[in-house]
Amino acid sequence: MIGAVDISSEDEFNNDLVAIVFLLARYIERNYQEFEMERIKRKFDEIDIKILKLTAEGKIDKEIAKTINMSLSNIKYHKRKIFKLLGTKNVKDCIYKATKLDLI
């Protein structure tokens, strides 16, 4: 915990302070989410983004390897890395999260 704000008075809660604290909490939450999104985005290489885009287009690993002139094992390595960075276990969730993060 960083700190606390006392929004009470002797009789009841001060409505103005409650509103300010609520808005402040929302502001902090939104900024933290944006910070986290940017932190995750920075971990992706250009090749990871290419693989994500091709995967989102429905291409299988063999097609991706041929398209970007890489070995199949390299594609699989990058996909494992992508899944780990996004915290996903399948292609559907991976594409959903990548889209939400505006990676693709």
PDB file of N, CA and C in Angstrom:
ATOM      1  N   MET A   1       0.840  -1.160   0.000  1.00  0.00           N
ATOM      2  CA  MET A   1       0.000   0.000   0.000  1.00  0.00           C
ATOM      3  C   MET A   1       0.895   1.235   0.000  1.00  0.00           C
ATOM      4  N   ILE A   2       0.542   2.202  -0.815  1.00  0.00           N
ATOM      5  CA  ILE A   2       1.323   3.430  -0.921  1.00  0.00           C
ATOM      6  C   ILE A   2       0.917   4.422   0.154  1.00  0.00           C
ATOM      7  N   GLY A   3      -0.361   4.540   0.417  1.00  0.00           N
ATOM      8  CA  GLY A   3      -0.839   5.489   1.404  1.00  0.00           C
ATOM      9  C   GLY A   3      -2.322   5.345   1.599  1.00  0.00           C
ATOM     10  N   ALA A   4      -2.879   6.223   2.406  1.00  0.00           N
ATOM     11  CA  ALA A   4      -4.314   6.176   2.678  1.00  0.00           C
ATOM     12  C   ALA A   4      -4.853   7.591   2.724  1.00  0.00           C
ATOM     13  N   VAL A   5      -6.126   7.701   2.396  1.00  0.00           N
ATOM     14  CA  VAL A   5      -6.809   8.982   2.465  1.00  0.00           C
ATOM     15  C   VAL A   5      -8.023   8.791   3.355  1.00  0.00           C
ATOM     16  N   ASP A   6      -8.140   9.579   4.402  1.00  0.00           N
ATOM     17  CA  ASP A   6      -9.286   9.500   5.302  1.00  0.00           C
ATOM     18  C   ASP A   6     -10.405  10.344   4.711  1.00  0.00           C
ATOM     19  N   ILE A   7     -11.486   9.679   4.290  1.00  0.00           N
ATOM     20  CA  ILE A   7     -12.594  10.403   3.663  1.00  0.00           C
ATOM     21  C   ILE A   7     -13.804  10.464   4.589  1.00  0.00           C
ATOM     22  N   SER A   8     -13.569  10.165   5.856  1.00  0.00           N
ATOM     23  CA  SER A   8     -14.678  10.181   6.798  1.00  0.00           C
ATOM     24  C   SER A   8     -14.696  11.487   7.581  1.00  0.00           C
ATOM     25  N   SER A   9     -15.834  11.754   8.138  1.00  0.00           N
ATOM     26  CA  SER A   9     -15.965  12.887   9.058  1.00  0.00           C
ATOM     27  C   SER A   9     -16.651  12.351  10.305  1.00  0.00           C
ATOM     28  N   GLU A  10     -16.944  13.204  11.251  1.00  0.00           N
ATOM     29  CA  GLU A  10     -17.560  12.719  12.483  1.00  0.00           C
ATOM     30  C   GLU A  10     -18.955  12.157  12.234  1.00  0.00           C
ATOM     31  N   ASP A  11     -19.683  12.730  11.284  1.00  0.00           N
ATOM     32  CA  ASP A  11     -21.064  12.317  11.069  1.00  0.00           C
ATOM     33  C   ASP A  11     -21.202  11.280   9.962  1.00  0.00           C
ATOM     34  N   GLU A  12     -20.595  11.530   8.823  1.00  0.00           N
ATOM     35  CA  GLU A  12     -20.751  10.638   7.675  1.00  0.00           C
ATOM     36  C   GLU A  12     -19.612  10.875   6.684  1.00  0.00           C
ATOM     37  N   PHE A  13     -19.609  10.087   5.628  1.00  0.00           N
ATOM     38  CA  PHE A  13     -18.591  10.271   4.599  1.00  0.00           C
ATOM     39  C   PHE A  13     -18.801  11.602   3.887  1.00  0.00           C
ATOM     40  N   ASN A  14     -17.717  12.223   3.551  1.00  0.00           N
ATOM     41  CA  ASN A  14     -17.765  13.466   2.779  1.00  0.00           C
ATOM     42  C   ASN A  14     -17.903  13.080   1.306  1.00  0.00           C
ATOM     43  N   ASN A  15     -19.051  13.328   0.692  1.00  0.00           N
ATOM     44  CA  ASN A  15     -19.337  12.897  -0.670  1.00  0.00           C
ATOM     45  C   ASN A  15     -18.355  13.460  -1.697  1.00  0.00           C
ATOM     46  N   ASP A  16     -17.918  14.694  -1.502  1.00  0.00           N
ATOM     47  CA  ASP A  16     -16.952  15.277  -2.440  1.00  0.00           C
ATOM     48  C   ASP A  16     -15.635  14.515  -2.412  1.00  0.00           C
ATOM     49  N   LEU A  17     -15.173  14.185  -1.217  1.00  0.00           N
ATOM     50  CA  LEU A  17     -13.921  13.436  -1.102  1.00  0.00           C
ATOM     51  C   LEU A  17     -14.068  12.018  -1.643  1.00  0.00           C
ATOM     52  N   VAL A  18     -15.216  11.403  -1.426  1.00  0.00           N
ATOM     53  CA  VAL A  18     -15.454  10.057  -1.950  1.00  0.00           C
ATOM     54  C   VAL A  18     -15.360  10.082  -3.476  1.00  0.00           C
ATOM     55  N   ALA A  19     -15.968  11.075  -4.099  1.00  0.00           N
ATOM     56  CA  ALA A  19     -15.928  11.191  -5.563  1.00  0.00           C
ATOM     57  C   ALA A  19     -14.506  11.414  -6.056  1.00  0.00           C
ATOM     58  N   ILE A  20     -13.761  12.261  -5.384  1.00  0.00           N
ATOM     59  CA  ILE A  20     -12.377  12.546  -5.789  1.00  0.00           C
ATOM     60  C   ILE A  20     -11.518  11.293  -5.675  1.00  0.00           C
ATOM     61  N   VAL A  21     -11.645  10.572  -4.563  1.00  0.00           N
ATOM     62  CA  VAL A  21     -10.856   9.352  -4.366  1.00  0.00           C
ATOM     63  C   VAL A  21     -11.233   8.306  -5.416  1.00  0.00           C
ATOM     64  N   PHE A  22     -12.510   8.172  -5.716  1.00  0.00           N
ATOM     65  CA  PHE A  22     -12.963   7.221  -6.734  1.00  0.00           C
ATOM     66  C   PHE A  22     -12.357   7.561  -8.088  1.00  0.00           C
ATOM     67  N   LEU A  23     -12.424   8.835  -8.477  1.00  0.00           N
ATOM     68  CA  LEU A  23     -11.867   9.253  -9.772  1.00  0.00           C
ATOM     69  C   LEU A  23     -10.357   9.083  -9.812  1.00  0.00           C
ATOM     70  N   LEU A  24      -9.712   9.370  -8.717  1.00  0.00           N
ATOM     71  CA  LEU A  24      -8.261   9.194  -8.634  1.00  0.00           C
ATOM     72  C   LEU A  24      -7.880   7.720  -8.792  1.00  0.00           C
ATOM     73  N   ALA A  25      -8.635   6.851  -8.142  1.00  0.00           N
ATOM     74  CA  ALA A  25      -8.370   5.410  -8.259  1.00  0.00           C
ATOM     75  C   ALA A  25      -8.539   4.943  -9.699  1.00  0.00           C
ATOM     76  N   ARG A  26      -9.596   5.407 -10.368  1.00  0.00           N
ATOM     77  CA  ARG A  26      -9.826   5.039 -11.773  1.00  0.00           C
ATOM     78  C   ARG A  26      -8.688   5.535 -12.660  1.00  0.00           C
ATOM     79  N   TYR A  27      -8.232   6.763 -12.418  1.00  0.00           N
ATOM     80  CA  TYR A  27      -7.130   7.348 -13.181  1.00  0.00           C
ATOM     81  C   TYR A  27      -5.853   6.518 -12.998  1.00  0.00           C
ATOM     82  N   ILE A  28      -5.543   6.163 -11.781  1.00  0.00           N
ATOM     83  CA  ILE A  28      -4.345   5.366 -11.495  1.00  0.00           C
ATOM     84  C   ILE A  28      -4.459   3.994 -12.155  1.00  0.00           C
ATOM     85  N   GLU A  29      -5.631   3.375 -12.051  1.00  0.00           N
ATOM     86  CA  GLU A  29      -5.845   2.057 -12.658  1.00  0.00           C
ATOM     87  C   GLU A  29      -5.646   2.102 -14.167  1.00  0.00           C
ATOM     88  N   ARG A  30      -6.213   3.106 -14.822  1.00  0.00           N
ATOM     89  CA  ARG A  30      -6.086   3.228 -16.279  1.00  0.00           C
ATOM     90  C   ARG A  30      -4.628   3.457 -16.681  1.00  0.00           C
ATOM     91  N   ASN A  31      -3.933   4.318 -15.964  1.00  0.00           N
ATOM     92  CA  ASN A  31      -2.526   4.571 -16.289  1.00  0.00           C
ATOM     93  C   ASN A  31      -1.675   3.332 -16.071  1.00  0.00           C
ATOM     94  N   TYR A  32      -1.977   2.570 -15.039  1.00  0.00           N
ATOM     95  CA  TYR A  32      -1.227   1.351 -14.779  1.00  0.00           C
ATOM     96  C   TYR A  32      -1.453   0.342 -15.907  1.00  0.00           C
ATOM     97  N   GLN A  33      -2.692   0.201 -16.360  1.00  0.00           N
ATOM     98  CA  GLN A  33      -2.997  -0.720 -17.455  1.00  0.00           C
ATOM     99  C   GLN A  33      -2.258  -0.314 -18.719  1.00  0.00           C
ATOM    100  N   GLU A  34      -2.230   0.979 -19.024  1.00  0.00           N
ATOM    101  CA  GLU A  34      -1.507   1.448 -20.207  1.00  0.00           C
ATOM    102  C   GLU A  34      -0.011   1.198 -20.058  1.00  0.00           C
ATOM    103  N   PHE A  35       0.521   1.420 -18.869  1.00  0.00           N
ATOM    104  CA  PHE A  35       1.934   1.165 -18.596  1.00  0.00           C
ATOM    105  C   PHE A  35       2.245  -0.314 -18.803  1.00  0.00           C
ATOM    106  N   GLU A  36       1.407  -1.198 -18.284  1.00  0.00           N
ATOM    107  CA  GLU A  36       1.603  -2.638 -18.442  1.00  0.00           C
ATOM    108  C   GLU A  36       1.544  -3.049 -19.902  1.00  0.00           C
ATOM    109  N   MET A  37       0.607  -2.487 -20.660  1.00  0.00           N
ATOM    110  CA  MET A  37       0.491  -2.806 -22.076  1.00  0.00           C
ATOM    111  C   MET A  37       1.759  -2.406 -22.815  1.00  0.00           C
ATOM    112  N   GLU A  38       2.270  -1.238 -22.543  1.00  0.00           N
ATOM    113  CA  GLU A  38       3.494  -0.770 -23.199  1.00  0.00           C
ATOM    114  C   GLU A  38       4.694  -1.625 -22.794  1.00  0.00           C
ATOM    115  N   ARG A  39       4.739  -2.023 -21.541  1.00  0.00           N
ATOM    116  CA  ARG A  39       5.837  -2.856 -21.055  1.00  0.00           C
ATOM    117  C   ARG A  39       5.829  -4.201 -21.789  1.00  0.00           C
ATOM    118  N   ILE A  40       4.665  -4.778 -21.975  1.00  0.00           N
ATOM    119  CA  ILE A  40       4.552  -6.056 -22.689  1.00  0.00           C
ATOM    120  C   ILE A  40       4.910  -5.871 -24.161  1.00  0.00           C
ATOM    121  N   LYS A  41       4.421  -4.804 -24.777  1.00  0.00           N
ATOM    122  CA  LYS A  41       4.690  -4.553 -26.206  1.00  0.00           C
ATOM    123  C   LYS A  41       6.184  -4.454 -26.497  1.00  0.00           C
ATOM    124  N   ARG A  42       6.931  -3.837 -25.598  1.00  0.00           N
ATOM    125  CA  ARG A  42       8.377  -3.648 -25.816  1.00  0.00           C
ATOM    126  C   ARG A  42       9.140  -4.965 -25.859  1.00  0.00           C
ATOM    127  N   LYS A  43       8.559  -6.022 -25.349  1.00  0.00           N
ATOM    128  CA  LYS A  43       9.243  -7.316 -25.321  1.00  0.00           C
ATOM    129  C   LYS A  43       9.140  -8.075 -26.640  1.00  0.00           C
ATOM    130  N   PHE A  44       8.347  -7.568 -27.574  1.00  0.00           N
ATOM    131  CA  PHE A  44       8.147  -8.256 -28.847  1.00  0.00           C
ATOM    132  C   PHE A  44       9.105  -7.735 -29.914  1.00  0.00           C
ATOM    133  N   ASP A  45       9.737  -8.692 -30.611  1.00  0.00           N
ATOM    134  CA  ASP A  45      10.601  -8.345 -31.744  1.00  0.00           C
ATOM    135  C   ASP A  45       9.731  -8.162 -32.982  1.00  0.00           C
ATOM    136  N   GLU A  46      10.334  -7.610 -34.017  1.00  0.00           N
ATOM    137  CA  GLU A  46       9.628  -7.437 -35.287  1.00  0.00           C
ATOM    138  C   GLU A  46       9.162  -8.786 -35.840  1.00  0.00           C
ATOM    139  N   ILE A  47      10.001  -9.795 -35.686  1.00  0.00           N
ATOM    140  CA  ILE A  47       9.650 -11.124 -36.206  1.00  0.00           C
ATOM    141  C   ILE A  47       8.472 -11.720 -35.440  1.00  0.00           C
ATOM    142  N   ASP A  48       8.407 -11.444 -34.133  1.00  0.00           N
ATOM    143  CA  ASP A  48       7.279 -11.925 -33.333  1.00  0.00           C
ATOM    144  C   ASP A  48       5.965 -11.334 -33.848  1.00  0.00           C
ATOM    145  N   ILE A  49       5.994 -10.068 -34.186  1.00  0.00           N
ATOM    146  CA  ILE A  49       4.797  -9.393 -34.696  1.00  0.00           C
ATOM    147  C   ILE A  49       4.393  -9.982 -36.047  1.00  0.00           C
ATOM    148  N   LYS A  50       5.385 -10.244 -36.919  1.00  0.00           N
ATOM    149  CA  LYS A  50       5.086 -10.862 -38.219  1.00  0.00           C
ATOM    150  C   LYS A  50       4.414 -12.219 -38.023  1.00  0.00           C
ATOM    151  N   ILE A  51       4.970 -13.011 -37.123  1.00  0.00           N
ATOM    152  CA  ILE A  51       4.417 -14.341 -36.860  1.00  0.00           C
ATOM    153  C   ILE A  51       3.000 -14.226 -36.293  1.00  0.00           C
ATOM    154  N   LEU A  52       2.789 -13.278 -35.396  1.00  0.00           N
ATOM    155  CA  LEU A  52       1.452 -13.052 -34.849  1.00  0.00           C
ATOM    156  C   LEU A  52       0.452 -12.704 -35.948  1.00  0.00           C
ATOM    157  N   LYS A  53       0.854 -11.797 -36.834  1.00  0.00           N
ATOM    158  CA  LYS A  53      -0.045 -11.371 -37.915  1.00  0.00           C
ATOM    159  C   LYS A  53      -0.380 -12.532 -38.837  1.00  0.00           C
ATOM    160  N   LEU A  54       0.620 -13.315 -39.205  1.00  0.00           N
ATOM    161  CA  LEU A  54       0.386 -14.451 -40.089  1.00  0.00           C
ATOM    162  C   LEU A  54      -0.474 -15.520 -39.405  1.00  0.00           C
ATOM    163  N   THR A  55      -0.259 -15.706 -38.124  1.00  0.00           N
ATOM    164  CA  THR A  55      -1.077 -16.649 -37.362  1.00  0.00           C
ATOM    165  C   THR A  55      -2.526 -16.169 -37.316  1.00  0.00           C
ATOM    166  N   ALA A  56      -2.703 -14.868 -37.124  1.00  0.00           N
ATOM    167  CA  ALA A  56      -4.055 -14.296 -37.087  1.00  0.00           C
ATOM    168  C   ALA A  56      -4.761 -14.452 -38.435  1.00  0.00           C
ATOM    169  N   GLU A  57      -3.981 -14.491 -39.501  1.00  0.00           N
ATOM    170  CA  GLU A  57      -4.554 -14.694 -40.838  1.00  0.00           C
ATOM    171  C   GLU A  57      -4.933 -16.155 -41.073  1.00  0.00           C
ATOM    172  N   GLY A  58      -4.592 -17.026 -40.123  1.00  0.00           N
ATOM    173  CA  GLY A  58      -4.970 -18.434 -40.232  1.00  0.00           C
ATOM    174  C   GLY A  58      -3.894 -19.330 -40.808  1.00  0.00           C
ATOM    175  N   LYS A  59      -2.698 -18.801 -40.982  1.00  0.00           N
ATOM    176  CA  LYS A  59      -1.614 -19.608 -41.546  1.00  0.00           C
ATOM    177  C   LYS A  59      -1.077 -20.576 -40.490  1.00  0.00           C
ATOM    178  N   ILE A  60      -0.711 -21.775 -40.945  1.00  0.00           N
ATOM    179  CA  ILE A  60      -0.106 -22.761 -40.052  1.00  0.00           C
ATOM    180  C   ILE A  60       1.406 -22.527 -40.024  1.00  0.00           C
ATOM    181  N   ASP A  61       2.066 -23.171 -39.073  1.00  0.00           N
ATOM    182  CA  ASP A  61       3.500 -22.943 -38.872  1.00  0.00           C
ATOM    183  C   ASP A  61       4.333 -23.157 -40.135  1.00  0.00           C
ATOM    184  N   LYS A  62       4.025 -24.208 -40.895  1.00  0.00           N
ATOM    185  CA  LYS A  62       4.775 -24.480 -42.127  1.00  0.00           C
ATOM    186  C   LYS A  62       4.649 -23.324 -43.122  1.00  0.00           C
ATOM    187  N   GLU A  63       3.442 -22.797 -43.271  1.00  0.00           N
ATOM    188  CA  GLU A  63       3.214 -21.679 -44.196  1.00  0.00           C
ATOM    189  C   GLU A  63       3.940 -20.422 -43.719  1.00  0.00           C
ATOM    190  N   ILE A  64       3.908 -20.204 -42.415  1.00  0.00           N
ATOM    191  CA  ILE A  64       4.596 -19.033 -41.854  1.00  0.00           C
ATOM    192  C   ILE A  64       6.092 -19.143 -42.114  1.00  0.00           C
ATOM    193  N   ALA A  65       6.644 -20.326 -41.872  1.00  0.00           N
ATOM    194  CA  ALA A  65       8.079 -20.546 -42.086  1.00  0.00           C
ATOM    195  C   ALA A  65       8.464 -20.256 -43.535  1.00  0.00           C
ATOM    196  N   LYS A  66       7.648 -20.725 -44.454  1.00  0.00           N
ATOM    197  CA  LYS A  66       7.924 -20.505 -45.878  1.00  0.00           C
ATOM    198  C   LYS A  66       7.783 -19.027 -46.239  1.00  0.00           C
ATOM    199  N   THR A  67       6.761 -18.375 -45.705  1.00  0.00           N
ATOM    200  CA  THR A  67       6.491 -16.966 -46.022  1.00  0.00           C
ATOM    201  C   THR A  67       7.628 -16.048 -45.576  1.00  0.00           C
ATOM    202  N   ILE A  68       8.145 -16.288 -44.373  1.00  0.00           N
ATOM    203  CA  ILE A  68       9.194 -15.378 -43.871  1.00  0.00           C
ATOM    204  C   ILE A  68      10.587 -15.998 -43.927  1.00  0.00           C
ATOM    205  N   ASN A  69      10.687 -17.123 -44.622  1.00  0.00           N
ATOM    206  CA  ASN A  69      11.984 -17.756 -44.874  1.00  0.00           C
ATOM    207  C   ASN A  69      12.737 -18.081 -43.573  1.00  0.00           C
ATOM    208  N   MET A  70      12.063 -18.802 -42.710  1.00  0.00           N
ATOM    209  CA  MET A  70      12.669 -19.265 -41.456  1.00  0.00           C
ATOM    210  C   MET A  70      12.411 -20.758 -41.325  1.00  0.00           C
ATOM    211  N   SER A  71      13.171 -21.387 -40.472  1.00  0.00           N
ATOM    212  CA  SER A  71      12.947 -22.815 -40.240  1.00  0.00           C
ATOM    213  C   SER A  71      11.707 -23.007 -39.377  1.00  0.00           C
ATOM    214  N   LEU A  72      11.129 -24.169 -39.494  1.00  0.00           N
ATOM    215  CA  LEU A  72       9.938 -24.498 -38.718  1.00  0.00           C
ATOM    216  C   LEU A  72      10.243 -24.455 -37.219  1.00  0.00           C
ATOM    217  N   SER A  73      11.425 -24.901 -36.836  1.00  0.00           N
ATOM    218  CA  SER A  73      11.785 -24.891 -35.408  1.00  0.00           C
ATOM    219  C   SER A  73      11.901 -23.452 -34.882  1.00  0.00           C
ATOM    220  N   ASN A  74      12.377 -22.525 -35.719  1.00  0.00           N
ATOM    221  CA  ASN A  74      12.432 -21.118 -35.302  1.00  0.00           C
ATOM    222  C   ASN A  74      11.034 -20.540 -35.112  1.00  0.00           C
ATOM    223  N   ILE A  75      10.127 -20.902 -35.993  1.00  0.00           N
ATOM    224  CA  ILE A  75       8.740 -20.436 -35.875  1.00  0.00           C
ATOM    225  C   ILE A  75       8.146 -20.944 -34.569  1.00  0.00           C
ATOM    226  N   LYS A  76       8.363 -22.218 -34.279  1.00  0.00           N
ATOM    227  CA  LYS A  76       7.834 -22.808 -33.044  1.00  0.00           C
ATOM    228  C   LYS A  76       8.451 -22.140 -31.814  1.00  0.00           C
ATOM    229  N   TYR A  77       9.736 -21.838 -31.884  1.00  0.00           N
ATOM    230  CA  TYR A  77      10.399 -21.141 -30.780  1.00  0.00           C
ATOM    231  C   TYR A  77       9.737 -19.777 -30.539  1.00  0.00           C
ATOM    232  N   HIS A  78       9.556 -19.017 -31.603  1.00  0.00           N
ATOM    233  CA  HIS A  78       8.959 -17.691 -31.473  1.00  0.00           C
ATOM    234  C   HIS A  78       7.513 -17.768 -30.979  1.00  0.00           C
ATOM    235  N   LYS A  79       6.780 -18.768 -31.437  1.00  0.00           N
ATOM    236  CA  LYS A  79       5.397 -18.908 -30.976  1.00  0.00           C
ATOM    237  C   LYS A  79       5.344 -19.236 -29.483  1.00  0.00           C
ATOM    238  N   ARG A  80       6.256 -20.099 -29.022  1.00  0.00           N
ATOM    239  CA  ARG A  80       6.316 -20.389 -27.580  1.00  0.00           C
ATOM    240  C   ARG A  80       6.636 -19.113 -26.799  1.00  0.00           C
ATOM    241  N   LYS A  81       7.561 -18.326 -27.329  1.00  0.00           N
ATOM    242  CA  LYS A  81       7.935 -17.053 -26.695  1.00  0.00           C
ATOM    243  C   LYS A  81       6.726 -16.114 -26.642  1.00  0.00           C
ATOM    244  N   ILE A  82       6.007 -16.017 -27.741  1.00  0.00           N
ATOM    245  CA  ILE A  82       4.817 -15.149 -27.827  1.00  0.00           C
ATOM    246  C   ILE A  82       3.766 -15.598 -26.817  1.00  0.00           C
ATOM    247  N   PHE A  83       3.492 -16.895 -26.770  1.00  0.00           N
ATOM    248  CA  PHE A  83       2.498 -17.418 -25.835  1.00  0.00           C
ATOM    249  C   PHE A  83       2.901 -17.098 -24.396  1.00  0.00           C
ATOM    250  N   LYS A  84       4.184 -17.259 -24.107  1.00  0.00           N
ATOM    251  CA  LYS A  84       4.667 -16.992 -22.748  1.00  0.00           C
ATOM    252  C   LYS A  84       4.525 -15.506 -22.410  1.00  0.00           C
ATOM    253  N   LEU A  85       4.930 -14.629 -23.330  1.00  0.00           N
ATOM    254  CA  LEU A  85       4.831 -13.190 -23.076  1.00  0.00           C
ATOM    255  C   LEU A  85       3.386 -12.742 -22.868  1.00  0.00           C
ATOM    256  N   LEU A  86       2.469 -13.352 -23.602  1.00  0.00           N
ATOM    257  CA  LEU A  86       1.064 -12.975 -23.494  1.00  0.00           C
ATOM    258  C   LEU A  86       0.330 -13.754 -22.407  1.00  0.00           C
ATOM    259  N   GLY A  87       0.988 -14.771 -21.864  1.00  0.00           N
ATOM    260  CA  GLY A  87       0.360 -15.575 -20.823  1.00  0.00           C
ATOM    261  C   GLY A  87      -0.803 -16.396 -21.342  1.00  0.00           C
ATOM    262  N   THR A  88      -0.659 -16.905 -22.559  1.00  0.00           N
ATOM    263  CA  THR A  88      -1.728 -17.693 -23.172  1.00  0.00           C
ATOM    264  C   THR A  88      -1.245 -19.105 -23.464  1.00  0.00           C
ATOM    265  N   LYS A  89      -2.209 -20.002 -23.731  1.00  0.00           N
ATOM    266  CA  LYS A  89      -1.858 -21.396 -23.994  1.00  0.00           C
ATOM    267  C   LYS A  89      -2.344 -21.884 -25.345  1.00  0.00           C
ATOM    268  N   ASN A  90      -3.160 -21.074 -26.026  1.00  0.00           N
ATOM    269  CA  ASN A  90      -3.640 -21.505 -27.338  1.00  0.00           C
ATOM    270  C   ASN A  90      -3.697 -20.318 -28.295  1.00  0.00           C
ATOM    271  N   VAL A  91      -3.820 -20.616 -29.569  1.00  0.00           N
ATOM    272  CA  VAL A  91      -3.768 -19.595 -30.619  1.00  0.00           C
ATOM    273  C   VAL A  91      -4.912 -18.597 -30.483  1.00  0.00           C
ATOM    274  N   LYS A  92      -6.099 -19.100 -30.195  1.00  0.00           N
ATOM    275  CA  LYS A  92      -7.265 -18.220 -30.085  1.00  0.00           C
ATOM    276  C   LYS A  92      -7.046 -17.143 -29.014  1.00  0.00           C
ATOM    277  N   ASP A  93      -6.621 -17.565 -27.824  1.00  0.00           N
ATOM    278  CA  ASP A  93      -6.375 -16.609 -26.742  1.00  0.00           C
ATOM    279  C   ASP A  93      -5.216 -15.682 -27.073  1.00  0.00           C
ATOM    280  N   CYS A  94      -4.226 -16.226 -27.732  1.00  0.00           N
ATOM    281  CA  CYS A  94      -3.056 -15.443 -28.126  1.00  0.00           C
ATOM    282  C   CYS A  94      -3.452 -14.312 -29.077  1.00  0.00           C
ATOM    283  N   ILE A  95      -4.231 -14.631 -30.085  1.00  0.00           N
ATOM    284  CA  ILE A  95      -4.664 -13.623 -31.060  1.00  0.00           C
ATOM    285  C   ILE A  95      -5.565 -12.595 -30.389  1.00  0.00           C
ATOM    286  N   TYR A  96      -6.459 -13.065 -29.517  1.00  0.00           N
ATOM    287  CA  TYR A  96      -7.351 -12.150 -28.803  1.00  0.00           C
ATOM    288  C   TYR A  96      -6.552 -11.147 -27.981  1.00  0.00           C
ATOM    289  N   LYS A  97      -5.600 -11.648 -27.199  1.00  0.00           N
ATOM    290  CA  LYS A  97      -4.813 -10.772 -26.333  1.00  0.00           C
ATOM    291  C   LYS A  97      -3.911  -9.842 -27.150  1.00  0.00           C
ATOM    292  N   ALA A  98      -3.330 -10.361 -28.228  1.00  0.00           N
ATOM    293  CA  ALA A  98      -2.472  -9.532 -29.080  1.00  0.00           C
ATOM    294  C   ALA A  98      -3.272  -8.413 -29.717  1.00  0.00           C
ATOM    295  N   THR A  99      -4.495  -8.714 -30.104  1.00  0.00           N
ATOM    296  CA  THR A  99      -5.371  -7.694 -30.678  1.00  0.00           C
ATOM    297  C   THR A  99      -5.725  -6.653 -29.636  1.00  0.00           C
ATOM    298  N   LYS A 100      -6.033  -7.105 -28.441  1.00  0.00           N
ATOM    299  CA  LYS A 100      -6.382  -6.194 -27.343  1.00  0.00           C
ATOM    300  C   LYS A 100      -5.211  -5.268 -26.993  1.00  0.00           C
ATOM    301  N   LEU A 101      -3.999  -5.782 -27.108  1.00  0.00           N
ATOM    302  CA  LEU A 101      -2.802  -4.986 -26.830  1.00  0.00           C
ATOM    303  C   LEU A 101      -2.379  -4.138 -28.028  1.00  0.00           C
ATOM    304  N   ASP A 102      -3.122  -4.260 -29.109  1.00  0.00           N
ATOM    305  CA  ASP A 102      -2.844  -3.509 -30.343  1.00  0.00           C
ATOM    306  C   ASP A 102      -1.485  -3.887 -30.953  1.00  0.00           C
ATOM    307  N   LEU A 103      -1.139  -5.164 -30.820  1.00  0.00           N
ATOM    308  CA  LEU A 103       0.093  -5.671 -31.430  1.00  0.00           C
ATOM    309  C   LEU A 103      -0.147  -6.021 -32.897  1.00  0.00           C
ATOM    310  N   ILE A 104      -1.374  -6.408 -33.201  1.00  0.00           N
ATOM    311  CA  ILE A 104      -1.730  -6.773 -34.583  1.00  0.00           C
ATOM    312  C   ILE A 104      -3.006  -6.064 -34.985  1.00  0.00           C
TER     313      ILE A 104
END
